[in-house]
């Protein structure tokens, strides 16, 4: 009997095709919009953890791909995301100066 691995995780669009081209079978389900957003959030956590462990450009690219999917799924555009990023950078700065805030007295 063949072993069955259960995943229940969001995968890239071509993964089922790649699995089947390797002579394996898979069962997939198309998610509702609500389920998709929920699993995108889980995927963000997963990809962030993978990047934090590996510090690789490949894992950072995976994280960016999930961010792009979240942006699209929420009805935003990458242009809007970039505008928001630029606005915040103008108002609050970026992270180039490597500043570590230690204390604030009030």
PDB file of N, CA and C in Angstrom:
ATOM      1  N   UNK A   1       0.844  -1.186   0.000  1.00  0.00           N
ATOM      2  CA  UNK A   1       0.000   0.000   0.000  1.00  0.00           C
ATOM      3  C   UNK A   1       0.890   1.250   0.000  1.00  0.00           C
ATOM      4  N   UNK A   2       0.513   2.248  -0.785  1.00  0.00           N
ATOM      5  CA  UNK A   2       1.276   3.489  -0.866  1.00  0.00           C
ATOM      6  C   UNK A   2       0.979   4.387   0.330  1.00  0.00           C
ATOM      7  N   UNK A   3       1.997   5.084   0.766  1.00  0.00           N
ATOM      8  CA  UNK A   3       1.842   6.012   1.889  1.00  0.00           C
ATOM      9  C   UNK A   3       1.104   7.264   1.425  1.00  0.00           C
ATOM     10  N   UNK A   4       0.287   7.805   2.305  1.00  0.00           N
ATOM     11  CA  UNK A   4      -0.449   9.036   2.018  1.00  0.00           C
ATOM     12  C   UNK A   4       0.035  10.108   2.987  1.00  0.00           C
ATOM     13  N   UNK A   5       0.449  11.241   2.441  1.00  0.00           N
ATOM     14  CA  UNK A   5       0.820  12.384   3.272  1.00  0.00           C
ATOM     15  C   UNK A   5      -0.311  13.392   3.195  1.00  0.00           C
ATOM     16  N   UNK A   6      -0.759  13.863   4.337  1.00  0.00           N
ATOM     17  CA  UNK A   6      -1.826  14.860   4.387  1.00  0.00           C
ATOM     18  C   UNK A   6      -1.207  16.222   4.691  1.00  0.00           C
ATOM     19  N   UNK A   7      -1.633  17.222   3.955  1.00  0.00           N
ATOM     20  CA  UNK A   7      -1.036  18.547   4.096  1.00  0.00           C
ATOM     21  C   UNK A   7      -2.016  19.610   4.576  1.00  0.00           C
ATOM     22  N   UNK A   8      -3.156  19.741   3.934  1.00  0.00           N
ATOM     23  CA  UNK A   8      -4.113  20.816   4.177  1.00  0.00           C
ATOM     24  C   UNK A   8      -3.396  22.166   4.283  1.00  0.00           C
ATOM     25  N   UNK A   9      -2.708  22.513   3.186  1.00  0.00           N
ATOM     26  CA  UNK A   9      -2.037  23.807   3.151  1.00  0.00           C
ATOM     27  C   UNK A   9      -2.146  24.402   1.757  1.00  0.00           C
ATOM     28  N   UNK A  10      -2.130  25.701   1.719  1.00  0.00           N
ATOM     29  CA  UNK A  10      -2.183  26.435   0.468  1.00  0.00           C
ATOM     30  C   UNK A  10      -0.868  26.225  -0.274  1.00  0.00           C
ATOM     31  N   UNK A  11      -0.974  25.887  -1.563  1.00  0.00           N
ATOM     32  CA  UNK A  11       0.225  25.670  -2.373  1.00  0.00           C
ATOM     33  C   UNK A  11       0.160  26.522  -3.636  1.00  0.00           C
ATOM     34  N   UNK A  12       1.307  26.691  -4.254  1.00  0.00           N
ATOM     35  CA  UNK A  12       1.382  27.426  -5.516  1.00  0.00           C
ATOM     36  C   UNK A  12       0.557  26.711  -6.590  1.00  0.00           C
ATOM     37  N   UNK A  13       0.116  27.473  -7.574  1.00  0.00           N
ATOM     38  CA  UNK A  13      -0.813  26.984  -8.592  1.00  0.00           C
ATOM     39  C   UNK A  13      -0.331  25.752  -9.363  1.00  0.00           C
ATOM     40  N   UNK A  14       0.949  25.628  -9.590  1.00  0.00           N
ATOM     41  CA  UNK A  14       1.448  24.524 -10.408  1.00  0.00           C
ATOM     42  C   UNK A  14       1.822  23.281  -9.603  1.00  0.00           C
ATOM     43  N   UNK A  15       1.690  23.324  -8.294  1.00  0.00           N
ATOM     44  CA  UNK A  15       2.105  22.182  -7.468  1.00  0.00           C
ATOM     45  C   UNK A  15       1.348  20.898  -7.816  1.00  0.00           C
ATOM     46  N   UNK A  16       0.018  20.913  -7.984  1.00  0.00           N
ATOM     47  CA  UNK A  16      -0.652  19.659  -8.360  1.00  0.00           C
ATOM     48  C   UNK A  16      -0.111  19.069  -9.669  1.00  0.00           C
ATOM     49  N   UNK A  17       0.137  19.915 -10.638  1.00  0.00           N
ATOM     50  CA  UNK A  17       0.698  19.483 -11.928  1.00  0.00           C
ATOM     51  C   UNK A  17       2.084  18.863 -11.731  1.00  0.00           C
ATOM     52  N   UNK A  18       2.890  19.480 -10.900  1.00  0.00           N
ATOM     53  CA  UNK A  18       4.242  18.979 -10.629  1.00  0.00           C
ATOM     54  C   UNK A  18       4.181  17.642  -9.900  1.00  0.00           C
ATOM     55  N   UNK A  19       3.282  17.513  -8.931  1.00  0.00           N
ATOM     56  CA  UNK A  19       3.106  16.257  -8.195  1.00  0.00           C
ATOM     57  C   UNK A  19       2.722  15.139  -9.156  1.00  0.00           C
ATOM     58  N   UNK A  20       1.744  15.409 -10.023  1.00  0.00           N
ATOM     59  CA  UNK A  20       1.266  14.378 -10.949  1.00  0.00           C
ATOM     60  C   UNK A  20       2.303  14.031 -12.010  1.00  0.00           C
ATOM     61  N   UNK A  21       3.113  14.989 -12.415  1.00  0.00           N
ATOM     62  CA  UNK A  21       4.164  14.695 -13.400  1.00  0.00           C
ATOM     63  C   UNK A  21       5.250  13.811 -12.798  1.00  0.00           C
ATOM     64  N   UNK A  22       5.266  13.739 -11.475  1.00  0.00           N
ATOM     65  CA  UNK A  22       6.210  12.882 -10.752  1.00  0.00           C
ATOM     66  C   UNK A  22       5.618  11.487 -10.518  1.00  0.00           C
ATOM     67  N   UNK A  23       4.459  11.220 -11.146  1.00  0.00           N
ATOM     68  CA  UNK A  23       3.836   9.907 -11.034  1.00  0.00           C
ATOM     69  C   UNK A  23       3.022   9.696  -9.774  1.00  0.00           C
ATOM     70  N   UNK A  24       2.723  10.764  -9.058  1.00  0.00           N
ATOM     71  CA  UNK A  24       1.939  10.674  -7.822  1.00  0.00           C
ATOM     72  C   UNK A  24       0.542  11.229  -8.070  1.00  0.00           C
ATOM     73  N   UNK A  25      -0.348  10.923  -7.166  1.00  0.00           N
ATOM     74  CA  UNK A  25      -1.703  11.477  -7.230  1.00  0.00           C
ATOM     75  C   UNK A  25      -1.901  12.425  -6.064  1.00  0.00           C
ATOM     76  N   UNK A  26      -2.785  13.398  -6.281  1.00  0.00           N
ATOM     77  CA  UNK A  26      -3.094  14.312  -5.181  1.00  0.00           C
ATOM     78  C   UNK A  26      -4.566  14.696  -5.240  1.00  0.00           C
ATOM     79  N   UNK A  27      -5.083  15.065  -4.115  1.00  0.00           N
ATOM     80  CA  UNK A  27      -6.449  15.563  -4.018  1.00  0.00           C
ATOM     81  C   UNK A  27      -6.351  17.024  -3.625  1.00  0.00           C
ATOM     82  N   UNK A  28      -7.049  17.865  -4.364  1.00  0.00           N
ATOM     83  CA  UNK A  28      -7.037  19.300  -4.091  1.00  0.00           C
ATOM     84  C   UNK A  28      -8.465  19.800  -3.947  1.00  0.00           C
ATOM     85  N   UNK A  29      -8.594  20.972  -3.422  1.00  0.00           N
ATOM     86  CA  UNK A  29      -9.892  21.632  -3.270  1.00  0.00           C
ATOM     87  C   UNK A  29      -9.683  23.104  -3.598  1.00  0.00           C
ATOM     88  N   UNK A  30     -10.636  23.690  -4.294  1.00  0.00           N
ATOM     89  CA  UNK A  30     -10.585  25.124  -4.563  1.00  0.00           C
ATOM     90  C   UNK A  30     -11.270  25.827  -3.394  1.00  0.00           C
ATOM     91  N   UNK A  31     -10.572  26.776  -2.811  1.00  0.00           N
ATOM     92  CA  UNK A  31     -11.043  27.444  -1.600  1.00  0.00           C
ATOM     93  C   UNK A  31     -12.049  28.548  -1.895  1.00  0.00           C
ATOM     94  N   UNK A  32     -12.900  28.825  -0.927  1.00  0.00           N
ATOM     95  CA  UNK A  32     -13.743  30.020  -0.985  1.00  0.00           C
ATOM     96  C   UNK A  32     -12.835  31.221  -0.731  1.00  0.00           C
ATOM     97  N   UNK A  33     -13.330  32.410  -1.043  1.00  0.00           N
ATOM     98  CA  UNK A  33     -12.538  33.619  -0.803  1.00  0.00           C
ATOM     99  C   UNK A  33     -12.162  33.754   0.669  1.00  0.00           C
ATOM    100  N   UNK A  34     -13.106  33.440   1.547  1.00  0.00           N
ATOM    101  CA  UNK A  34     -12.867  33.542   2.993  1.00  0.00           C
ATOM    102  C   UNK A  34     -11.781  32.558   3.447  1.00  0.00           C
ATOM    103  N   UNK A  35     -11.892  31.306   2.982  1.00  0.00           N
ATOM    104  CA  UNK A  35     -10.887  30.296   3.336  1.00  0.00           C
ATOM    105  C   UNK A  35      -9.518  30.677   2.767  1.00  0.00           C
ATOM    106  N   UNK A  36      -9.534  31.206   1.542  1.00  0.00           N
ATOM    107  CA  UNK A  36      -8.295  31.609   0.872  1.00  0.00           C
ATOM    108  C   UNK A  36      -7.557  32.668   1.689  1.00  0.00           C
ATOM    109  N   UNK A  37      -8.281  33.693   2.136  1.00  0.00           N
ATOM    110  CA  UNK A  37      -7.654  34.743   2.946  1.00  0.00           C
ATOM    111  C   UNK A  37      -7.094  34.180   4.250  1.00  0.00           C
ATOM    112  N   UNK A  38      -7.830  33.294   4.882  1.00  0.00           N
ATOM    113  CA  UNK A  38      -7.365  32.674   6.123  1.00  0.00           C
ATOM    114  C   UNK A  38      -6.082  31.875   5.886  1.00  0.00           C
ATOM    115  N   UNK A  39      -6.077  31.076   4.818  1.00  0.00           N
ATOM    116  CA  UNK A  39      -4.902  30.254   4.549  1.00  0.00           C
ATOM    117  C   UNK A  39      -3.729  31.076   4.018  1.00  0.00           C
ATOM    118  N   UNK A  40      -4.016  32.207   3.376  1.00  0.00           N
ATOM    119  CA  UNK A  40      -2.926  33.118   3.004  1.00  0.00           C
ATOM    120  C   UNK A  40      -2.232  33.655   4.253  1.00  0.00           C
ATOM    121  N   UNK A  41      -3.012  33.964   5.282  1.00  0.00           N
ATOM    122  CA  UNK A  41      -2.419  34.423   6.544  1.00  0.00           C
ATOM    123  C   UNK A  41      -1.520  33.344   7.150  1.00  0.00           C
ATOM    124  N   UNK A  42      -1.981  32.090   7.105  1.00  0.00           N
ATOM    125  CA  UNK A  42      -1.156  30.981   7.597  1.00  0.00           C
ATOM    126  C   UNK A  42       0.111  30.840   6.750  1.00  0.00           C
ATOM    127  N   UNK A  43      -0.053  31.028   5.438  1.00  0.00           N
ATOM    128  CA  UNK A  43       1.086  30.910   4.526  1.00  0.00           C
ATOM    129  C   UNK A  43       2.112  32.010   4.800  1.00  0.00           C
ATOM    130  N   UNK A  44       1.634  33.209   5.123  1.00  0.00           N
ATOM    131  CA  UNK A  44       2.559  34.290   5.498  1.00  0.00           C
ATOM    132  C   UNK A  44       3.407  33.876   6.696  1.00  0.00           C
ATOM    133  N   UNK A  45       2.753  33.316   7.713  1.00  0.00           N
ATOM    134  CA  UNK A  45       3.475  32.851   8.907  1.00  0.00           C
ATOM    135  C   UNK A  45       4.502  31.781   8.532  1.00  0.00           C
ATOM    136  N   UNK A  46       4.066  30.826   7.705  1.00  0.00           N
ATOM    137  CA  UNK A  46       4.935  29.722   7.291  1.00  0.00           C
ATOM    138  C   UNK A  46       6.163  30.236   6.528  1.00  0.00           C
ATOM    139  N   UNK A  47       5.924  31.098   5.554  1.00  0.00           N
ATOM    140  CA  UNK A  47       7.033  31.601   4.736  1.00  0.00           C
ATOM    141  C   UNK A  47       7.967  32.498   5.547  1.00  0.00           C
ATOM    142  N   UNK A  48       7.411  33.283   6.467  1.00  0.00           N
ATOM    143  CA  UNK A  48       8.252  34.113   7.332  1.00  0.00           C
ATOM    144  C   UNK A  48       9.155  33.234   8.197  1.00  0.00           C
ATOM    145  N   UNK A  49       8.585  32.184   8.773  1.00  0.00           N
ATOM    146  CA  UNK A  49       9.379  31.264   9.604  1.00  0.00           C
ATOM    147  C   UNK A  49      10.483  30.608   8.778  1.00  0.00           C
ATOM    148  N   UNK A  50      10.163  30.226   7.542  1.00  0.00           N
ATOM    149  CA  UNK A  50      11.169  29.603   6.679  1.00  0.00           C
ATOM    150  C   UNK A  50      12.285  30.590   6.345  1.00  0.00           C
ATOM    151  N   UNK A  51      11.913  31.848   6.088  1.00  0.00           N
ATOM    152  CA  UNK A  51      12.942  32.858   5.818  1.00  0.00           C
ATOM    153  C   UNK A  51      13.802  33.100   7.059  1.00  0.00           C
ATOM    154  N   UNK A  52      13.153  33.212   8.219  1.00  0.00           N
ATOM    155  CA  UNK A  52      13.901  33.477   9.450  1.00  0.00           C
ATOM    156  C   UNK A  52      14.894  32.361   9.753  1.00  0.00           C
ATOM    157  N   UNK A  53      14.540  31.146   9.391  1.00  0.00           N
ATOM    158  CA  UNK A  53      15.445  30.024   9.626  1.00  0.00           C
ATOM    159  C   UNK A  53      16.587  29.998   8.610  1.00  0.00           C
ATOM    160  N   UNK A  54      16.270  30.240   7.343  1.00  0.00           N
ATOM    161  CA  UNK A  54      17.277  30.078   6.287  1.00  0.00           C
ATOM    162  C   UNK A  54      18.025  31.352   5.922  1.00  0.00           C
ATOM    163  N   UNK A  55      17.374  32.492   6.086  1.00  0.00           N
ATOM    164  CA  UNK A  55      17.916  33.791   5.661  1.00  0.00           C
ATOM    165  C   UNK A  55      18.252  33.796   4.163  1.00  0.00           C
ATOM    166  N   UNK A  56      17.526  32.992   3.369  1.00  0.00           N
ATOM    167  CA  UNK A  56      17.841  32.879   1.945  1.00  0.00           C
ATOM    168  C   UNK A  56      16.977  33.805   1.093  1.00  0.00           C
ATOM    169  N   UNK A  57      17.531  34.214  -0.029  1.00  0.00           N
ATOM    170  CA  UNK A  57      16.812  35.041  -0.986  1.00  0.00           C
ATOM    171  C   UNK A  57      15.593  34.295  -1.525  1.00  0.00           C
ATOM    172  N   UNK A  58      15.724  32.987  -1.722  1.00  0.00           N
ATOM    173  CA  UNK A  58      14.621  32.168  -2.224  1.00  0.00           C
ATOM    174  C   UNK A  58      13.425  32.216  -1.273  1.00  0.00           C
ATOM    175  N   UNK A  59      13.664  32.088   0.010  1.00  0.00           N
ATOM    176  CA  UNK A  59      12.564  32.136   0.979  1.00  0.00           C
ATOM    177  C   UNK A  59      11.975  33.537   1.078  1.00  0.00           C
ATOM    178  N   UNK A  60      12.809  34.556   0.926  1.00  0.00           N
ATOM    179  CA  UNK A  60      12.308  35.928   0.921  1.00  0.00           C
ATOM    180  C   UNK A  60      11.416  36.153  -0.301  1.00  0.00           C
ATOM    181  N   UNK A  61      11.789  35.564  -1.440  1.00  0.00           N
ATOM    182  CA  UNK A  61      10.967  35.647  -2.652  1.00  0.00           C
ATOM    183  C   UNK A  61       9.622  34.955  -2.438  1.00  0.00           C
ATOM    184  N   UNK A  62       9.623  33.825  -1.736  1.00  0.00           N
ATOM    185  CA  UNK A  62       8.366  33.133  -1.419  1.00  0.00           C
ATOM    186  C   UNK A  62       7.469  34.020  -0.563  1.00  0.00           C
ATOM    187  N   UNK A  63       8.061  34.699   0.398  1.00  0.00           N
ATOM    188  CA  UNK A  63       7.305  35.608   1.262  1.00  0.00           C
ATOM    189  C   UNK A  63       6.685  36.734   0.436  1.00  0.00           C
ATOM    190  N   UNK A  64       7.457  37.286  -0.481  1.00  0.00           N
ATOM    191  CA  UNK A  64       6.950  38.347  -1.349  1.00  0.00           C
ATOM    192  C   UNK A  64       5.813  37.840  -2.232  1.00  0.00           C
ATOM    193  N   UNK A  65       5.910  36.613  -2.717  1.00  0.00           N
ATOM    194  CA  UNK A  65       4.848  36.035  -3.551  1.00  0.00           C
ATOM    195  C   UNK A  65       3.546  35.935  -2.760  1.00  0.00           C
ATOM    196  N   UNK A  66       3.633  35.541  -1.497  1.00  0.00           N
ATOM    197  CA  UNK A  66       2.431  35.459  -0.659  1.00  0.00           C
ATOM    198  C   UNK A  66       1.886  36.863  -0.395  1.00  0.00           C
ATOM    199  N   UNK A  67       2.753  37.825  -0.159  1.00  0.00           N
ATOM    200  CA  UNK A  67       2.304  39.205   0.040  1.00  0.00           C
ATOM    201  C   UNK A  67       1.560  39.691  -1.197  1.00  0.00           C
ATOM    202  N   UNK A  68       2.090  39.400  -2.374  1.00  0.00           N
ATOM    203  CA  UNK A  68       1.418  39.793  -3.623  1.00  0.00           C
ATOM    204  C   UNK A  68       0.032  39.150  -3.719  1.00  0.00           C
ATOM    205  N   UNK A  69      -0.077  37.882  -3.312  1.00  0.00           N
ATOM    206  CA  UNK A  69      -1.368  37.183  -3.345  1.00  0.00           C
ATOM    207  C   UNK A  69      -2.354  37.810  -2.361  1.00  0.00           C
ATOM    208  N   UNK A  70      -1.880  38.185  -1.173  1.00  0.00           N
ATOM    209  CA  UNK A  70      -2.740  38.837  -0.178  1.00  0.00           C
ATOM    210  C   UNK A  70      -3.251  40.166  -0.722  1.00  0.00           C
ATOM    211  N   UNK A  71      -2.356  40.946  -1.295  1.00  0.00           N
ATOM    212  CA  UNK A  71      -2.727  42.247  -1.864  1.00  0.00           C
ATOM    213  C   UNK A  71      -3.846  42.065  -2.884  1.00  0.00           C
ATOM    214  N   UNK A  72      -3.667  41.133  -3.800  1.00  0.00           N
ATOM    215  CA  UNK A  72      -4.673  40.893  -4.848  1.00  0.00           C
ATOM    216  C   UNK A  72      -5.983  40.367  -4.256  1.00  0.00           C
ATOM    217  N   UNK A  73      -5.892  39.426  -3.325  1.00  0.00           N
ATOM    218  CA  UNK A  73      -7.088  38.824  -2.722  1.00  0.00           C
ATOM    219  C   UNK A  73      -7.914  39.845  -1.945  1.00  0.00           C
ATOM    220  N   UNK A  74      -7.268  40.851  -1.411  1.00  0.00           N
ATOM    221  CA  UNK A  74      -7.977  41.886  -0.652  1.00  0.00           C
ATOM    222  C   UNK A  74      -8.446  43.037  -1.537  1.00  0.00           C
ATOM    223  N   UNK A  75      -8.215  42.913  -2.852  1.00  0.00           N
ATOM    224  CA  UNK A  75      -8.703  43.919  -3.787  1.00  0.00           C
ATOM    225  C   UNK A  75      -7.817  45.144  -3.900  1.00  0.00           C
ATOM    226  N   UNK A  76      -6.597  45.038  -3.408  1.00  0.00           N
ATOM    227  CA  UNK A  76      -5.649  46.135  -3.513  1.00  0.00           C
ATOM    228  C   UNK A  76      -4.748  45.894  -4.714  1.00  0.00           C
ATOM    229  N   UNK A  77      -3.854  46.829  -4.977  1.00  0.00           N
ATOM    230  CA  UNK A  77      -2.869  46.656  -6.040  1.00  0.00           C
ATOM    231  C   UNK A  77      -1.472  46.813  -5.452  1.00  0.00           C
ATOM    232  N   UNK A  78      -0.495  46.300  -6.159  1.00  0.00           N
ATOM    233  CA  UNK A  78       0.888  46.471  -5.721  1.00  0.00           C
ATOM    234  C   UNK A  78       1.272  47.944  -5.759  1.00  0.00           C
ATOM    235  N   UNK A  79       0.667  48.683  -6.678  1.00  0.00           N
ATOM    236  CA  UNK A  79       0.926  50.124  -6.754  1.00  0.00           C
ATOM    237  C   UNK A  79       0.435  50.806  -5.474  1.00  0.00           C
ATOM    238  N   UNK A  80      -0.750  50.395  -4.989  1.00  0.00           N
ATOM    239  CA  UNK A  80      -1.279  50.953  -3.737  1.00  0.00           C
ATOM    240  C   UNK A  80      -0.379  50.582  -2.558  1.00  0.00           C
ATOM    241  N   UNK A  81       0.086  49.354  -2.553  1.00  0.00           N
ATOM    242  CA  UNK A  81       0.980  48.913  -1.480  1.00  0.00           C
ATOM    243  C   UNK A  81       2.272  49.730  -1.498  1.00  0.00           C
ATOM    244  N   UNK A  82       2.815  49.940  -2.683  1.00  0.00           N
ATOM    245  CA  UNK A  82       4.049  50.726  -2.794  1.00  0.00           C
ATOM    246  C   UNK A  82       3.814  52.171  -2.376  1.00  0.00           C
ATOM    247  N   UNK A  83       2.658  52.728  -2.736  1.00  0.00           N
ATOM    248  CA  UNK A  83       2.339  54.097  -2.303  1.00  0.00           C
ATOM    249  C   UNK A  83       2.273  54.184  -0.782  1.00  0.00           C
ATOM    250  N   UNK A  84       1.638  53.193  -0.154  1.00  0.00           N
ATOM    251  CA  UNK A  84       1.538  53.169   1.310  1.00  0.00           C
ATOM    252  C   UNK A  84       2.920  53.032   1.938  1.00  0.00           C
ATOM    253  N   UNK A  85       3.752  52.158   1.368  1.00  0.00           N
ATOM    254  CA  UNK A  85       5.110  51.985   1.878  1.00  0.00           C
ATOM    255  C   UNK A  85       5.890  53.293   1.779  1.00  0.00           C
ATOM    256  N   UNK A  86       5.793  53.956   0.623  1.00  0.00           N
ATOM    257  CA  UNK A  86       6.516  55.217   0.404  1.00  0.00           C
ATOM    258  C   UNK A  86       6.016  56.308   1.344  1.00  0.00           C
ATOM    259  N   UNK A  87       4.699  56.365   1.546  1.00  0.00           N
ATOM    260  CA  UNK A  87       4.109  57.361   2.457  1.00  0.00           C
ATOM    261  C   UNK A  87       4.654  57.164   3.876  1.00  0.00           C
ATOM    262  N   UNK A  88       4.649  55.925   4.334  1.00  0.00           N
ATOM    263  CA  UNK A  88       5.151  55.642   5.684  1.00  0.00           C
ATOM    264  C   UNK A  88       6.642  55.936   5.784  1.00  0.00           C
ATOM    265  N   UNK A  89       7.381  55.642   4.718  1.00  0.00           N
ATOM    266  CA  UNK A  89       8.821  55.921   4.721  1.00  0.00           C
ATOM    267  C   UNK A  89       9.075  57.421   4.784  1.00  0.00           C
ATOM    268  N   UNK A  90       8.251  58.200   4.081  1.00  0.00           N
ATOM    269  CA  UNK A  90       8.397  59.655   4.114  1.00  0.00           C
ATOM    270  C   UNK A  90       8.060  60.200   5.495  1.00  0.00           C
ATOM    271  N   UNK A  91       6.967  59.707   6.074  1.00  0.00           N
ATOM    272  CA  UNK A  91       6.506  60.205   7.371  1.00  0.00           C
ATOM    273  C   UNK A  91       7.368  59.724   8.538  1.00  0.00           C
ATOM    274  N   UNK A  92       7.786  58.474   8.507  1.00  0.00           N
ATOM    275  CA  UNK A  92       8.453  57.872   9.666  1.00  0.00           C
ATOM    276  C   UNK A  92       9.868  57.381   9.376  1.00  0.00           C
ATOM    277  N   UNK A  93      10.247  57.409   8.112  1.00  0.00           N
ATOM    278  CA  UNK A  93      11.569  56.925   7.728  1.00  0.00           C
ATOM    279  C   UNK A  93      11.545  55.450   7.387  1.00  0.00           C
ATOM    280  N   UNK A  94      12.689  54.983   6.945  1.00  0.00           N
ATOM    281  CA  UNK A  94      12.852  53.562   6.636  1.00  0.00           C
ATOM    282  C   UNK A  94      13.600  52.886   7.772  1.00  0.00           C
ATOM    283  N   UNK A  95      14.447  51.948   7.411  1.00  0.00           N
ATOM    284  CA  UNK A  95      15.235  51.225   8.415  1.00  0.00           C
ATOM    285  C   UNK A  95      16.724  51.263   8.090  1.00  0.00           C
ATOM    286  N   UNK A  96      17.127  52.182   7.213  1.00  0.00           N
ATOM    287  CA  UNK A  96      18.521  52.243   6.771  1.00  0.00           C
ATOM    288  C   UNK A  96      19.494  52.624   7.881  1.00  0.00           C
ATOM    289  N   UNK A  97      19.063  53.432   8.835  1.00  0.00           N
ATOM    290  CA  UNK A  97      19.973  53.942   9.868  1.00  0.00           C
ATOM    291  C   UNK A  97      20.214  52.955  11.010  1.00  0.00           C
ATOM    292  N   UNK A  98      19.535  51.817  10.972  1.00  0.00           N
ATOM    293  CA  UNK A  98      19.757  50.727  11.948  1.00  0.00           C
ATOM    294  C   UNK A  98      19.543  51.177  13.391  1.00  0.00           C
ATOM    295  N   UNK A  99      18.530  51.997  13.624  1.00  0.00           N
ATOM    296  CA  UNK A  99      18.274  52.572  14.950  1.00  0.00           C
ATOM    297  C   UNK A  99      17.553  51.562  15.843  1.00  0.00           C
ATOM    298  N   UNK A 100      18.093  51.350  17.032  1.00  0.00           N
ATOM    299  CA  UNK A 100      17.453  50.520  18.048  1.00  0.00           C
ATOM    300  C   UNK A 100      16.956  51.449  19.142  1.00  0.00           C
ATOM    301  N   UNK A 101      15.653  51.569  19.319  1.00  0.00           N
ATOM    302  CA  UNK A 101      15.072  52.411  20.366  1.00  0.00           C
ATOM    303  C   UNK A 101      15.203  51.677  21.694  1.00  0.00           C
ATOM    304  N   UNK A 102      15.889  52.291  22.635  1.00  0.00           N
ATOM    305  CA  UNK A 102      16.151  51.647  23.914  1.00  0.00           C
ATOM    306  C   UNK A 102      15.136  52.047  24.980  1.00  0.00           C
ATOM    307  N   UNK A 103      14.904  53.340  25.143  1.00  0.00           N
ATOM    308  CA  UNK A 103      13.999  53.810  26.187  1.00  0.00           C
ATOM    309  C   UNK A 103      13.384  55.129  25.758  1.00  0.00           C
ATOM    310  N   UNK A 104      12.217  55.403  26.318  1.00  0.00           N
ATOM    311  CA  UNK A 104      11.565  56.708  26.152  1.00  0.00           C
ATOM    312  C   UNK A 104      11.073  57.124  27.531  1.00  0.00           C
ATOM    313  N   UNK A 105      11.472  58.310  27.983  1.00  0.00           N
ATOM    314  CA  UNK A 105      10.983  58.830  29.267  1.00  0.00           C
ATOM    315  C   UNK A 105       9.792  59.726  29.005  1.00  0.00           C
ATOM    316  N   UNK A 106       8.761  59.558  29.807  1.00  0.00           N
ATOM    317  CA  UNK A 106       7.561  60.390  29.647  1.00  0.00           C
ATOM    318  C   UNK A 106       7.290  61.172  30.897  1.00  0.00           C
TER     319      UNK A 106
END
